[in-house]
Amino acid sequence: MIFCFAFTPVNLIIFSELKTIKEEMIMVEERYARQWGLIDVERLHEVPIKIIGTGSVGSFIALSLAKMGAQTIETWDDDIVNEVNISNQFYRLEDVGEYKVDALQGLIKAFEKVNIIANPEKCNGSEGLEGIVIVALDSMTPRKRIWDAIKGKDEVELFIDPRMGGRTARIYAVNPKTGIEQYEKTLYHDDESTPEKCTERTIIYNVLGISSFVCKLIEDHFKKKTVGCKEIILDYATYTLSVTK
């Protein structure tokens, strides 16, 4: 017995869409083939990642995570791209004048075909933060505000706080339930910080190093849930690295 299947216009559309989906799945699998054994890409696809601040550190963290496979990235920043940002942030000269989050959204779409959510405004912690929260901010006051909003909450599984000054960096990976006491010892008031010269605030190799370590901390968290508060100190001036758990 021979069965015949008539391809109506609707059938052809469905067949074409299924073929496109299959091709896209093969392309996605191939894209991440070199890192399947290093990080749980499927989990990275699904976990919500909230990046607060998309300047030097935040913009490159967003790009790095998108390249690794993150699909659900949301960003907040009310700042505009200025020419002074071009040397150390993931922006182009043609982005000058745009909101950073909007420019970053377009760049990541072009690079990775990942649609991130862009909020051209400050985040005060009441935005339903969940998953992995990364605070890439310049000052301590908004950091503390975000921390107070998420600490102890089940919805946030990992809190990452990268800090930078010239050739040095400190990165904190915190469990919002078990790392409260340790992390809060690292907080201080903005008027207690040492002012830096405008010409010595940031340099690209430090930015890229911080971005790399933030991605590695997320990889480690997927393999074994972060407990307490981990501190990483990078000092490029002396070529030293220290890790405290």
Protein backbone atom coordinates (compact mmCIF):
# COMPACT_ATOMS: atom_id res chain seq x y z
CA MET A 1 0.00 0.00 0.00
CA ILE A 2 1.34 3.41 -0.94
CA PHE A 3 0.52 6.48 1.12
CA CYS A 4 0.62 9.91 -0.42
CA PHE A 5 0.86 13.15 1.54
CA ALA A 6 -0.41 16.30 -0.07
CA PHE A 7 1.67 19.39 0.72
CA THR A 8 -0.84 22.18 1.14
CA PRO A 9 0.44 25.73 1.66
CA VAL A 10 -0.10 25.33 5.41
CA ASN A 11 1.79 22.02 5.44
CA LEU A 12 4.67 23.64 3.56
CA ILE A 13 4.85 26.52 6.03
CA ILE A 14 4.91 24.13 9.01
CA PHE A 15 7.53 21.92 7.33
CA SER A 16 9.67 24.96 6.55
CA GLU A 17 9.43 26.24 10.13
CA LEU A 18 10.36 22.81 11.57
CA LYS A 19 13.33 22.63 9.20
CA THR A 20 14.46 26.11 10.30
CA ILE A 21 14.14 25.19 14.00
CA LYS A 22 16.17 22.00 13.44
CA GLU A 23 18.88 23.93 11.59
CA GLU A 24 19.03 26.54 14.37
CA MET A 25 19.34 23.82 17.04
CA ILE A 26 22.24 22.21 15.13
CA MET A 27 23.89 25.63 14.77
CA VAL A 28 23.50 26.36 18.53
CA GLU A 29 24.95 22.96 19.47
CA GLU A 30 27.90 23.51 17.13
CA ARG A 31 28.48 27.04 18.43
CA TYR A 32 29.09 25.82 21.98
CA ALA A 33 30.71 22.49 21.07
CA ARG A 34 34.18 23.53 22.30
CA GLN A 35 32.95 24.24 25.84
CA TRP A 36 30.27 21.59 26.49
CA GLY A 37 32.66 19.75 28.80
CA LEU A 38 33.61 22.90 30.70
CA ILE A 39 30.31 24.51 31.62
CA ASP A 40 26.65 23.53 31.79
CA VAL A 41 25.49 25.43 28.71
CA GLU A 42 21.88 24.31 29.04
CA ARG A 43 21.67 25.75 32.54
CA LEU A 44 23.39 28.94 31.38
CA HIS A 45 20.73 29.21 28.66
CA GLU A 46 18.00 29.20 31.30
CA VAL A 47 19.27 30.96 34.43
CA PRO A 48 18.20 34.63 34.73
CA ILE A 49 21.24 36.94 34.84
CA LYS A 50 20.72 40.50 36.04
CA ILE A 51 23.56 42.96 35.36
CA ILE A 52 23.27 46.30 37.14
CA GLY A 53 25.63 48.78 35.54
CA THR A 54 26.85 48.42 31.94
CA GLY A 55 30.01 50.47 31.96
CA SER A 56 33.46 48.94 31.53
CA VAL A 57 33.01 45.81 33.63
CA GLY A 58 29.28 45.32 33.09
CA SER A 59 29.39 45.63 29.31
CA PHE A 60 32.16 43.05 28.89
CA ILE A 61 30.57 40.67 31.40
CA ALA A 62 27.36 40.78 29.36
CA LEU A 63 29.25 40.05 26.14
CA SER A 64 31.30 37.24 27.70
CA LEU A 65 28.26 35.53 29.21
CA ALA A 66 26.33 35.81 25.95
CA LYS A 67 29.25 34.20 24.11
CA MET A 68 29.28 31.39 26.69
CA GLY A 69 25.60 30.71 26.11
CA ALA A 70 23.58 32.96 28.45
CA GLN A 71 20.19 33.69 26.90
CA THR A 72 18.26 35.51 29.65
CA ILE A 73 20.31 38.62 30.41
CA GLU A 74 18.70 41.80 31.74
CA THR A 75 20.58 45.07 32.24
CA TRP A 76 20.08 48.39 34.04
CA ASP A 77 21.95 51.67 33.53
CA ASP A 78 20.76 55.25 33.07
CA ASP A 79 24.09 56.45 31.70
CA ILE A 80 24.88 57.57 28.14
CA VAL A 81 27.90 56.45 26.09
CA ASN A 82 30.55 59.18 26.01
CA GLU A 83 33.77 59.27 23.99
CA VAL A 84 35.81 58.81 27.18
CA ASN A 85 34.17 55.37 27.55
CA ILE A 86 35.39 53.98 24.24
CA SER A 87 38.89 52.92 25.38
CA ASN A 88 37.67 50.66 28.20
CA GLN A 89 34.04 49.74 27.53
CA PHE A 90 32.36 47.53 24.93
CA TYR A 91 31.08 50.40 22.81
CA ARG A 92 31.88 51.98 19.46
CA LEU A 93 32.38 55.61 18.53
CA GLU A 94 29.06 55.51 16.69
CA ASP A 95 27.36 54.58 19.98
CA VAL A 96 28.25 57.92 21.58
CA GLY A 97 25.06 59.64 22.72
CA GLU A 98 23.05 56.44 23.09
CA TYR A 99 21.98 54.89 26.37
CA LYS A 100 24.58 52.27 27.26
CA VAL A 101 22.00 49.53 27.74
CA ASP A 102 20.44 50.23 24.32
CA ALA A 103 23.82 50.24 22.56
CA LEU A 104 24.83 47.05 24.37
CA GLN A 105 21.55 45.38 23.43
CA GLY A 106 22.24 46.06 19.75
CA LEU A 107 25.86 44.92 19.93
CA ILE A 108 25.07 41.61 21.64
CA LYS A 109 22.24 41.00 19.18
CA ALA A 110 24.70 41.56 16.32
CA PHE A 111 27.46 39.42 17.86
CA GLU A 112 25.45 36.54 19.32
CA LYS A 113 21.81 36.83 18.17
CA VAL A 114 20.87 37.04 21.85
CA ASN A 115 18.09 39.44 22.80
CA ILE A 116 18.97 40.97 26.14
CA ILE A 117 16.51 43.15 28.06
CA ALA A 118 17.66 46.77 28.36
CA ASN A 119 16.42 49.12 31.08
CA PRO A 120 17.75 52.69 30.61
CA GLU A 121 17.23 53.53 34.27
CA LYS A 122 18.70 52.94 37.71
CA CYS A 123 17.90 49.70 39.51
CA ASN A 124 16.79 50.18 43.11
CA GLY A 125 16.34 46.51 43.98
CA SER A 126 12.57 46.41 43.70
CA GLU A 127 12.62 45.06 40.15
CA GLY A 128 12.12 41.40 41.01
CA LEU A 129 15.77 40.42 40.89
CA GLU A 130 16.39 36.69 40.60
CA GLY A 131 18.89 34.09 39.48
CA ILE A 132 22.40 35.55 39.29
CA VAL A 133 22.73 39.23 40.19
CA ILE A 134 25.89 41.14 39.19
CA VAL A 135 26.46 44.68 40.51
CA ALA A 136 28.96 46.43 38.25
CA LEU A 137 28.63 49.88 39.79
CA ASP A 138 31.05 52.72 40.52
CA SER A 139 30.04 53.50 44.09
CA MET A 140 29.14 51.64 47.28
CA THR A 141 25.78 53.27 48.07
CA PRO A 142 23.83 51.65 45.20
CA ARG A 143 25.70 48.37 45.80
CA LYS A 144 24.45 48.32 49.39
CA ARG A 145 20.94 49.19 48.27
CA ILE A 146 20.83 46.24 45.84
CA TRP A 147 22.40 43.93 48.41
CA ASP A 148 19.85 44.88 51.09
CA ALA A 149 17.07 44.15 48.61
CA ILE A 150 18.23 40.61 47.71
CA LYS A 151 20.05 39.22 50.75
CA GLY A 152 18.40 36.20 52.32
CA LYS A 153 16.03 35.71 49.39
CA ASP A 154 15.47 32.33 47.74
CA GLU A 155 15.01 33.88 44.29
CA VAL A 156 18.69 34.92 44.04
CA GLU A 157 21.15 32.02 43.96
CA LEU A 158 24.37 34.01 43.46
CA PHE A 159 25.40 37.64 44.01
CA ILE A 160 28.60 38.88 42.32
CA ASP A 161 30.25 42.18 43.18
CA PRO A 162 33.27 43.15 41.01
CA ARG A 163 35.22 46.24 42.13
CA MET A 164 38.00 47.93 40.22
CA GLY A 165 40.57 50.62 40.76
CA GLY A 166 43.33 51.22 38.20
CA ARG A 167 45.45 48.05 38.07
CA THR A 168 43.74 46.23 40.93
CA ALA A 169 40.44 44.42 41.32
CA ARG A 170 38.41 42.66 44.00
CA ILE A 171 35.62 40.29 43.05
CA TYR A 172 33.13 38.85 45.53
CA ALA A 173 30.95 35.81 44.85
CA VAL A 174 28.33 35.60 47.58
CA ASN A 175 25.61 33.18 48.59
CA PRO A 176 22.83 35.62 49.61
CA LYS A 177 21.80 33.34 52.50
CA THR A 178 25.06 31.94 53.88
CA GLY A 179 27.52 34.72 53.01
CA ILE A 180 25.80 37.71 54.59
CA GLU A 181 28.13 38.31 57.53
CA GLN A 182 31.32 37.80 55.51
CA TYR A 183 30.25 40.03 52.64
CA GLU A 184 28.95 42.87 54.77
CA LYS A 185 32.39 43.21 56.36
CA THR A 186 33.63 44.36 52.93
CA LEU A 187 31.12 47.21 52.64
CA TYR A 188 31.97 50.80 53.50
CA HIS A 189 30.71 54.34 52.91
CA ASP A 190 31.69 56.15 49.73
CA ASP A 191 33.36 58.94 51.71
CA GLU A 192 35.74 56.34 53.20
CA SER A 193 37.16 55.35 49.81
CA THR A 194 40.47 56.64 48.49
CA PRO A 195 39.89 59.03 45.57
CA GLU A 196 41.62 58.06 42.32
CA LYS A 197 43.03 60.32 39.65
CA CYS A 198 40.68 60.66 36.69
CA THR A 199 43.46 59.38 34.43
CA GLU A 200 44.12 56.24 36.54
CA ARG A 201 40.65 54.80 37.13
CA THR A 202 40.43 51.98 34.62
CA ILE A 203 42.35 50.16 31.91
CA ILE A 204 41.12 47.54 29.48
CA TYR A 205 43.26 44.58 30.63
CA ASN A 206 41.87 44.88 34.15
CA VAL A 207 38.33 45.11 32.79
CA LEU A 208 38.81 41.95 30.71
CA GLY A 209 40.43 40.12 33.62
CA ILE A 210 37.48 40.89 35.89
CA SER A 211 35.02 39.78 33.23
CA SER A 212 36.88 36.48 32.86
CA PHE A 213 36.85 35.77 36.58
CA VAL A 214 33.14 36.60 36.88
CA CYS A 215 32.42 34.01 34.17
CA LYS A 216 34.64 31.48 35.94
CA LEU A 217 32.83 32.06 39.22
CA ILE A 218 29.53 31.28 37.52
CA GLU A 219 31.03 28.11 36.02
CA ASP A 220 32.22 27.07 39.50
CA HIS A 221 28.80 27.83 40.98
CA PHE A 222 27.12 25.54 38.44
CA LYS A 223 29.46 22.70 39.39
CA LYS A 224 29.19 23.26 43.14
CA LYS A 225 26.84 25.80 44.67
CA THR A 226 28.63 28.81 46.14
CA VAL A 227 28.68 28.81 49.94
CA GLY A 228 29.52 31.85 52.05
CA CYS A 229 31.57 34.60 50.41
CA LYS A 230 34.55 34.10 48.11
CA GLU A 231 36.98 36.97 47.52
CA ILE A 232 39.37 37.21 44.58
CA ILE A 233 42.04 39.92 44.53
CA LEU A 234 43.88 40.76 41.30
CA ASP A 235 46.90 43.06 41.36
CA TYR A 236 48.37 43.61 37.92
CA ALA A 237 51.03 45.94 39.28
CA THR A 238 52.64 43.04 41.16
CA TYR A 239 51.27 40.17 39.02
CA THR A 240 49.60 38.59 42.05
CA LEU A 241 46.34 36.75 42.55
CA SER A 242 44.82 35.71 45.85
CA VAL A 243 41.61 33.84 46.64
CA THR A 244 39.88 33.74 50.03
CA LYS A 245 36.89 31.51 50.71
